[in-house]
Amino acid sequence: MQRCLDSIYSQQYPHIEIIVMDGGSTDGTAAILNSNTGKLAFWKSEKDGGIYDAMNKALGHARGQWIYFIGADDTLTPAFSQIAEALEDPNAIYYGSVIKAGRKYLGKMAPYQQAKTGINHQAIIYPARIFSARRFDTRYRISADHVFNMHCHSDNRYPFVFRDFDIALFNDTGISSLQKDPVFEKEKARLIFKHFGPAIYLRFLFKRLKERIFNH
């Protein structure tokens, strides 16, 4: 946690409001947060319904024009300040890349890639106004950010804009890297059809069929 906070403190971009929602950790996190109180806009440590419940709670305390989410085991790179300075369209969802296991992860994504894989949430900066009418659906314990972005993709008020910056070091030992979301996997095809249309939906079904054939 302290490494994450220090990576935020070291940013050249000056307009950062830090909000921390901890799920009642018993590993000393609350003590770390208490020692950083003077640098945090708000923090709380209490039991929650998972990562997306915590993110939804944090949104209730955000006052800025832009929203970015980072995990306690992730860190920002100096390039975060560069992408923050490049935010121009107040309706656009900006995204870059992250560093995962020492390598650039994902980069610019075509609609099919967004549908199938999803943009890493540590790579995205959202306009705050998008959360005035929508929150993360906590039925999806691991993939609620993917579902949220699917909804955004089919809402032409909020275009996705890529900027080629590696803005965070992503810890790939978390639950989203090690497990799949059973609710999301059950509904994924339907969501792709709804938010990305029949062409991408059919491509996804064909790809999944091929994977099942070759994995047996």
Protein backbone atom coordinates (compact mmCIF):
# COMPACT_ATOMS: atom_id res chain seq x y z
CA MET A 1 0.00 0.00 0.00
CA GLN A 2 2.72 2.50 0.89
CA ARG A 3 4.50 1.84 -2.44
CA CYS A 4 1.27 2.60 -4.26
CA LEU A 5 0.74 5.83 -2.33
CA ASP A 6 4.35 6.91 -2.83
CA SER A 7 3.98 6.41 -6.60
CA ILE A 8 1.02 8.80 -6.50
CA TYR A 9 2.82 11.36 -4.35
CA SER A 10 5.73 11.41 -6.80
CA GLN A 11 3.59 12.45 -9.79
CA GLN A 12 4.40 15.73 -11.51
CA TYR A 13 0.72 16.30 -12.27
CA PRO A 14 -0.47 18.38 -9.29
CA HIS A 15 -4.25 17.99 -9.32
CA ILE A 16 -4.69 14.57 -7.71
CA GLU A 17 -7.23 13.82 -4.99
CA ILE A 18 -6.56 10.47 -3.29
CA ILE A 19 -9.48 8.45 -1.94
CA VAL A 20 -8.83 5.05 -0.35
CA MET A 21 -11.46 2.45 0.47
CA ASP A 22 -10.02 -0.54 2.32
CA GLY A 23 -12.09 -3.65 2.93
CA GLY A 24 -11.34 -3.90 6.64
CA SER A 25 -7.85 -5.35 6.17
CA THR A 26 -6.11 -6.86 9.19
CA ASP A 27 -2.61 -6.74 7.67
CA GLY A 28 -1.65 -3.28 8.92
CA THR A 29 -3.19 -1.36 6.04
CA ALA A 30 -5.29 0.82 8.35
CA ALA A 31 -2.16 1.86 10.25
CA ILE A 32 -0.47 2.82 6.95
CA LEU A 33 -3.51 4.84 5.92
CA ASN A 34 -3.64 6.55 9.30
CA SER A 35 0.00 7.59 8.94
CA ASN A 36 -0.81 9.08 5.51
CA THR A 37 -3.99 10.89 6.59
CA GLY A 38 -2.58 14.34 5.86
CA LYS A 39 -2.06 13.47 2.18
CA LEU A 40 -5.39 11.71 1.58
CA ALA A 41 -8.66 13.45 0.68
CA PHE A 42 -10.59 10.60 2.32
CA TRP A 43 -9.99 7.10 3.56
CA LYS A 44 -11.99 4.41 5.31
CA SER A 45 -11.37 0.83 6.35
CA GLU A 46 -14.50 -1.30 6.71
CA LYS A 47 -15.97 -4.54 5.46
CA ASP A 48 -17.39 -4.31 1.97
CA GLY A 49 -18.94 -6.48 -0.70
CA GLY A 50 -15.79 -6.79 -2.78
CA ILE A 51 -13.59 -4.58 -4.95
CA TYR A 52 -16.43 -3.05 -6.98
CA ASP A 53 -18.48 -2.25 -3.90
CA ALA A 54 -15.42 -0.41 -2.59
CA MET A 55 -14.98 1.42 -5.89
CA ASN A 56 -18.64 2.47 -5.88
CA LYS A 57 -18.27 3.76 -2.32
CA ALA A 58 -15.16 5.73 -3.29
CA LEU A 59 -17.07 7.40 -6.13
CA GLY A 60 -19.37 8.95 -3.55
CA HIS A 61 -16.41 10.93 -2.18
CA ALA A 62 -14.79 11.98 -5.47
CA ARG A 63 -14.96 15.66 -6.39
CA GLY A 64 -12.72 15.88 -9.45
CA GLN A 65 -13.44 15.98 -13.17
CA TRP A 66 -11.67 12.67 -13.85
CA ILE A 67 -11.71 9.29 -12.09
CA TYR A 68 -8.93 6.70 -11.98
CA PHE A 69 -8.85 3.43 -10.02
CA ILE A 70 -5.71 1.67 -8.82
CA GLY A 71 -5.21 -1.37 -6.61
CA ALA A 72 -3.14 -1.28 -3.42
CA ASP A 73 -0.54 -3.60 -4.97
CA ASP A 74 -0.19 -1.56 -8.18
CA THR A 75 1.96 1.53 -8.72
CA LEU A 76 1.80 4.51 -11.05
CA THR A 77 4.61 5.30 -13.47
CA PRO A 78 5.75 8.87 -14.25
CA ALA A 79 3.82 8.54 -17.54
CA PHE A 80 0.57 8.83 -15.58
CA SER A 81 1.23 12.56 -15.26
CA GLN A 82 1.78 12.77 -19.02
CA ILE A 83 -1.57 11.20 -19.87
CA ALA A 84 -3.25 13.33 -17.20
CA GLU A 85 -1.92 16.47 -18.88
CA ALA A 86 -3.27 15.19 -22.24
CA LEU A 87 -6.92 14.88 -21.12
CA GLU A 88 -8.86 17.22 -23.39
CA ASP A 89 -12.39 16.00 -24.14
CA PRO A 90 -14.47 16.01 -20.91
CA ASN A 91 -16.67 13.24 -22.33
CA ALA A 92 -13.94 10.89 -23.53
CA ILE A 93 -12.80 7.74 -21.76
CA TYR A 94 -9.02 7.84 -22.05
CA TYR A 95 -6.88 4.75 -21.79
CA GLY A 96 -3.24 3.80 -22.15
CA SER A 97 -1.32 0.64 -21.33
CA VAL A 98 0.09 -0.95 -18.19
CA ILE A 99 3.26 -2.89 -17.53
CA LYS A 100 2.45 -6.49 -16.63
CA ALA A 101 5.20 -8.99 -15.73
CA GLY A 102 7.74 -6.55 -17.13
CA ARG A 103 6.05 -6.11 -20.51
CA LYS A 104 3.68 -3.60 -22.09
CA TYR A 105 0.16 -4.98 -21.74
CA LEU A 106 -2.60 -4.58 -24.30
CA GLY A 107 -1.97 -1.18 -25.93
CA LYS A 108 -4.57 0.17 -28.35
CA MET A 109 -7.54 -2.16 -28.61
CA ALA A 110 -9.93 -2.73 -31.50
CA PRO A 111 -13.63 -3.15 -30.60
CA TYR A 112 -13.33 -6.96 -30.86
CA GLN A 113 -10.46 -6.95 -28.35
CA GLN A 114 -12.41 -4.68 -26.05
CA ALA A 115 -15.36 -7.08 -26.22
CA LYS A 116 -13.35 -10.27 -25.72
CA THR A 117 -10.57 -9.21 -23.35
CA GLY A 118 -11.50 -5.82 -21.99
CA ILE A 119 -9.25 -2.87 -21.17
CA ASN A 120 -7.22 -3.27 -17.99
CA HIS A 121 -8.87 -1.00 -15.44
CA GLN A 122 -5.52 0.38 -14.26
CA ALA A 123 -5.12 1.76 -17.80
CA ILE A 124 -8.35 3.81 -17.89
CA ILE A 125 -9.18 7.36 -16.86
CA TYR A 126 -12.92 8.08 -16.86
CA PRO A 127 -14.75 11.41 -17.03
CA ALA A 128 -16.44 11.76 -13.64
CA ARG A 129 -19.77 12.65 -15.25
CA ILE A 130 -20.14 9.09 -16.55
CA PHE A 131 -20.71 7.92 -12.97
CA SER A 132 -23.62 10.28 -12.38
CA ALA A 133 -25.98 7.72 -13.94
CA ARG A 134 -24.07 4.44 -13.67
CA ARG A 135 -22.08 2.41 -11.15
CA PHE A 136 -20.24 -0.90 -11.25
CA ASP A 137 -22.62 -3.89 -11.10
CA THR A 138 -21.49 -5.84 -8.04
CA ARG A 139 -23.13 -9.04 -9.29
CA TYR A 140 -19.91 -9.43 -11.27
CA ARG A 141 -17.33 -10.10 -8.57
CA ILE A 142 -14.29 -10.03 -10.89
CA SER A 143 -15.38 -8.51 -14.21
CA ALA A 144 -17.67 -5.60 -13.32
CA ASP A 145 -15.24 -3.13 -14.91
CA HIS A 146 -15.37 -5.10 -18.18
CA VAL A 147 -19.18 -5.03 -18.10
CA PHE A 148 -19.14 -1.31 -17.26
CA ASN A 149 -16.91 -0.62 -20.27
CA MET A 150 -19.20 -2.68 -22.51
CA HIS A 151 -22.08 -0.40 -21.55
CA CYS A 152 -19.88 2.63 -22.23
CA HIS A 153 -18.91 1.29 -25.65
CA SER A 154 -22.52 1.30 -26.80
CA ASP A 155 -23.10 4.80 -25.42
CA ASN A 156 -21.87 7.18 -28.13
CA ARG A 157 -21.69 10.07 -25.68
CA TYR A 158 -18.45 8.63 -24.29
CA PRO A 159 -15.86 7.71 -26.96
CA PHE A 160 -12.81 5.64 -26.02
CA VAL A 161 -9.56 7.48 -26.81
CA PHE A 162 -6.16 5.75 -26.69
CA ARG A 163 -2.98 7.55 -25.63
CA ASP A 164 0.25 5.60 -25.89
CA PHE A 165 1.50 5.89 -22.31
CA ASP A 166 2.40 3.03 -19.93
CA ILE A 167 0.75 4.52 -16.88
CA ALA A 168 0.91 1.82 -14.20
CA LEU A 169 2.73 -1.30 -13.08
CA PHE A 170 -0.02 -3.90 -12.79
CA ASN A 171 0.30 -6.63 -10.16
CA ASP A 172 -0.83 -9.78 -11.99
CA THR A 173 -1.18 -11.94 -8.87
CA GLY A 174 -4.61 -10.55 -7.96
CA ILE A 175 -7.93 -12.35 -8.23
CA SER A 176 -8.77 -10.91 -11.67
CA SER A 177 -5.64 -12.52 -13.13
CA LEU A 178 -6.07 -15.87 -11.43
CA GLN A 179 -9.80 -16.54 -11.65
CA LYS A 180 -12.74 -16.05 -13.99
CA ASP A 181 -16.03 -14.44 -13.07
CA PRO A 182 -18.69 -17.19 -13.39
CA VAL A 183 -21.61 -14.75 -13.72
CA PHE A 184 -19.81 -12.79 -16.41
CA GLU A 185 -18.71 -15.88 -18.33
CA LYS A 186 -22.34 -17.05 -18.40
CA GLU A 187 -23.57 -13.70 -19.75
CA LYS A 188 -20.57 -12.62 -21.85
CA ALA A 189 -21.92 -13.60 -25.26
CA ARG A 190 -25.24 -11.83 -24.63
CA LEU A 191 -23.43 -8.70 -23.44
CA ILE A 192 -21.20 -8.69 -26.51
CA PHE A 193 -24.22 -8.97 -28.81
CA LYS A 194 -26.01 -6.16 -26.98
CA HIS A 195 -23.13 -3.69 -26.82
CA PHE A 196 -20.92 -4.58 -29.80
CA GLY A 197 -23.39 -5.87 -32.37
CA PRO A 198 -23.87 -9.07 -34.40
CA ALA A 199 -20.58 -9.04 -36.36
CA ILE A 200 -18.36 -9.02 -33.26
CA TYR A 201 -20.77 -11.37 -31.50
CA LEU A 202 -20.47 -13.97 -34.30
CA ARG A 203 -16.69 -13.60 -34.40
CA PHE A 204 -16.57 -14.17 -30.66
CA LEU A 205 -18.75 -17.31 -30.90
CA PHE A 206 -16.60 -18.71 -33.70
CA LYS A 207 -13.41 -18.07 -31.75
CA ARG A 208 -14.85 -19.68 -28.62
CA LEU A 209 -15.99 -22.72 -30.60
CA LYS A 210 -12.47 -23.12 -32.06
CA GLU A 211 -10.92 -22.88 -28.59
CA ARG A 212 -13.27 -25.55 -27.24
CA ILE A 213 -12.54 -27.88 -30.15
CA PHE A 214 -8.76 -27.53 -29.86
CA ASN A 215 -8.78 -27.76 -26.05
CA HIS A 216 -10.50 -31.17 -26.10
